[in-house]
């Protein structure tokens, strides 16, 4: 998650983390409601505007559209290993839950921006 202005992860207060993370969750909820799995959620694919405090999900190159009634996608994966859900790392099918797992790791990163 980088700002367009500085190209690095900013230090954030708890309130800012909650605001940004909520926006990302709503964006993911929208993608999932349209049957789209992102499959490569990571901080580098979240874009922040420091001026407006807006977060946007980007880089949909690895995303896949799910067919109606389909709950999982095949095993092919091009995402970043550090943000893969355990089932994806083990070669199992990818699902919406895998995107949610990546969101948990993104939240962890957001909460740990004040590293020395």
Protein backbone atom coordinates (compact mmCIF):
# COMPACT_ATOMS: atom_id res chain seq x y z
CA UNK A 1 0.00 0.00 0.00
CA UNK A 2 1.81 2.98 -1.27
CA UNK A 3 0.90 6.59 -1.62
CA UNK A 4 1.08 8.00 -5.10
CA UNK A 5 2.94 10.99 -3.75
CA UNK A 6 5.73 9.16 -1.87
CA UNK A 7 5.57 5.57 -3.20
CA UNK A 8 5.94 4.16 0.33
CA UNK A 9 3.73 2.92 3.15
CA UNK A 10 2.82 5.87 5.37
CA UNK A 11 2.68 5.88 9.17
CA UNK A 12 -0.96 5.93 10.24
CA UNK A 13 -2.98 6.42 13.39
CA UNK A 14 -5.46 3.78 14.50
CA UNK A 15 -8.31 5.95 13.17
CA UNK A 16 -6.61 6.29 9.77
CA UNK A 17 -6.00 2.53 9.61
CA UNK A 18 -9.69 1.88 10.30
CA UNK A 19 -10.75 4.42 7.66
CA UNK A 20 -8.43 3.03 4.97
CA UNK A 21 -9.12 -0.63 5.78
CA UNK A 22 -12.88 -0.03 5.66
CA UNK A 23 -12.55 1.45 2.18
CA UNK A 24 -10.51 -1.54 1.01
CA UNK A 25 -13.07 -3.96 2.47
CA UNK A 26 -15.92 -2.16 0.73
CA UNK A 27 -14.00 -2.30 -2.54
CA UNK A 28 -13.43 -6.02 -2.13
CA UNK A 29 -17.08 -6.53 -1.20
CA UNK A 30 -18.02 -4.81 -4.46
CA UNK A 31 -15.66 -6.99 -6.51
CA UNK A 32 -17.01 -10.14 -4.87
CA UNK A 33 -20.62 -8.99 -5.40
CA UNK A 34 -19.81 -8.84 -9.13
CA UNK A 35 -18.34 -12.34 -9.00
CA UNK A 36 -14.73 -11.19 -9.27
CA UNK A 37 -11.89 -12.70 -7.25
CA UNK A 38 -8.88 -10.37 -7.05
CA UNK A 39 -6.35 -13.16 -6.33
CA UNK A 40 -3.40 -10.80 -5.75
CA UNK A 41 -4.35 -8.51 -2.89
CA UNK A 42 -1.26 -7.02 -1.27
CA UNK A 43 -0.16 -3.58 -0.09
CA UNK A 44 1.46 -2.76 -3.44
CA UNK A 45 -1.95 -3.19 -5.12
CA UNK A 46 -3.71 -0.75 -2.81
CA UNK A 47 -3.34 2.87 -3.84
CA UNK A 48 -3.73 5.72 -1.37
CA UNK A 49 -4.23 9.38 -2.02
CA UNK A 50 -2.73 11.38 0.84
CA UNK A 51 -4.62 14.49 -0.18
CA UNK A 52 -8.08 12.92 -0.19
CA UNK A 53 -7.47 9.89 2.08
CA UNK A 54 -8.96 7.56 -0.52
CA UNK A 55 -7.93 3.92 -0.96
CA UNK A 56 -8.39 2.08 -4.24
CA UNK A 57 -7.78 -1.55 -5.17
CA UNK A 58 -5.65 -1.85 -8.28
CA UNK A 59 -3.89 -4.38 -10.50
CA UNK A 60 -6.67 -6.73 -11.49
CA UNK A 61 -4.36 -8.64 -13.82
CA UNK A 62 -4.62 -11.86 -11.79
CA UNK A 63 -8.35 -11.50 -11.08
CA UNK A 64 -10.91 -13.97 -12.34
CA UNK A 65 -14.65 -13.79 -12.85
CA UNK A 66 -16.61 -16.54 -11.19
CA UNK A 67 -19.49 -18.21 -12.97
CA UNK A 68 -22.96 -17.97 -11.41
CA UNK A 69 -23.23 -20.38 -8.51
CA UNK A 70 -19.50 -21.09 -8.48
CA UNK A 71 -17.80 -20.74 -5.10
CA UNK A 72 -14.21 -21.72 -5.86
CA UNK A 73 -11.79 -21.12 -8.67
CA UNK A 74 -9.15 -23.46 -10.01
CA UNK A 75 -5.68 -23.87 -8.57
CA UNK A 76 -3.81 -21.73 -11.07
CA UNK A 77 -2.36 -18.80 -9.22
CA UNK A 78 -0.11 -15.90 -10.11
CA UNK A 79 -0.30 -13.98 -6.87
CA UNK A 80 2.35 -12.91 -4.42
CA UNK A 81 3.27 -15.88 -2.16
CA UNK A 82 3.54 -13.80 1.04
CA UNK A 83 -0.16 -12.88 0.77
CA UNK A 84 -1.50 -16.27 -0.35
CA UNK A 85 -3.95 -18.10 1.85
CA UNK A 86 -2.71 -21.38 3.26
CA UNK A 87 -4.97 -23.44 0.99
CA UNK A 88 -3.48 -21.68 -2.06
CA UNK A 89 0.05 -22.35 -0.79
CA UNK A 90 -0.90 -26.01 -0.51
CA UNK A 91 -2.14 -26.12 -4.11
CA UNK A 92 -5.83 -26.21 -3.23
CA UNK A 93 -8.58 -24.21 -4.93
CA UNK A 94 -8.87 -20.45 -4.57
CA UNK A 95 -12.06 -18.78 -3.30
CA UNK A 96 -13.39 -15.51 -1.90
CA UNK A 97 -12.00 -16.65 1.45
CA UNK A 98 -8.50 -16.48 -0.02
CA UNK A 99 -9.00 -12.77 -0.77
CA UNK A 100 -10.25 -12.28 2.81
CA UNK A 101 -7.10 -13.99 4.15
CA UNK A 102 -4.96 -11.50 2.21
CA UNK A 103 -7.01 -8.68 3.73
CA UNK A 104 -6.04 -9.89 7.20
CA UNK A 105 -2.38 -9.67 6.25
CA UNK A 106 -2.91 -6.20 4.81
CA UNK A 107 -4.54 -5.12 8.09
CA UNK A 108 -1.53 -6.46 9.96
CA UNK A 109 0.76 -4.42 7.70
CA UNK A 110 -1.35 -1.30 8.21
CA UNK A 111 -1.15 -1.68 11.99
CA UNK A 112 2.62 -2.09 11.90
CA UNK A 113 3.74 0.94 9.88
CA UNK A 114 5.58 2.56 12.80
CA UNK A 115 8.55 0.22 12.59
CA UNK A 116 11.96 1.70 13.41
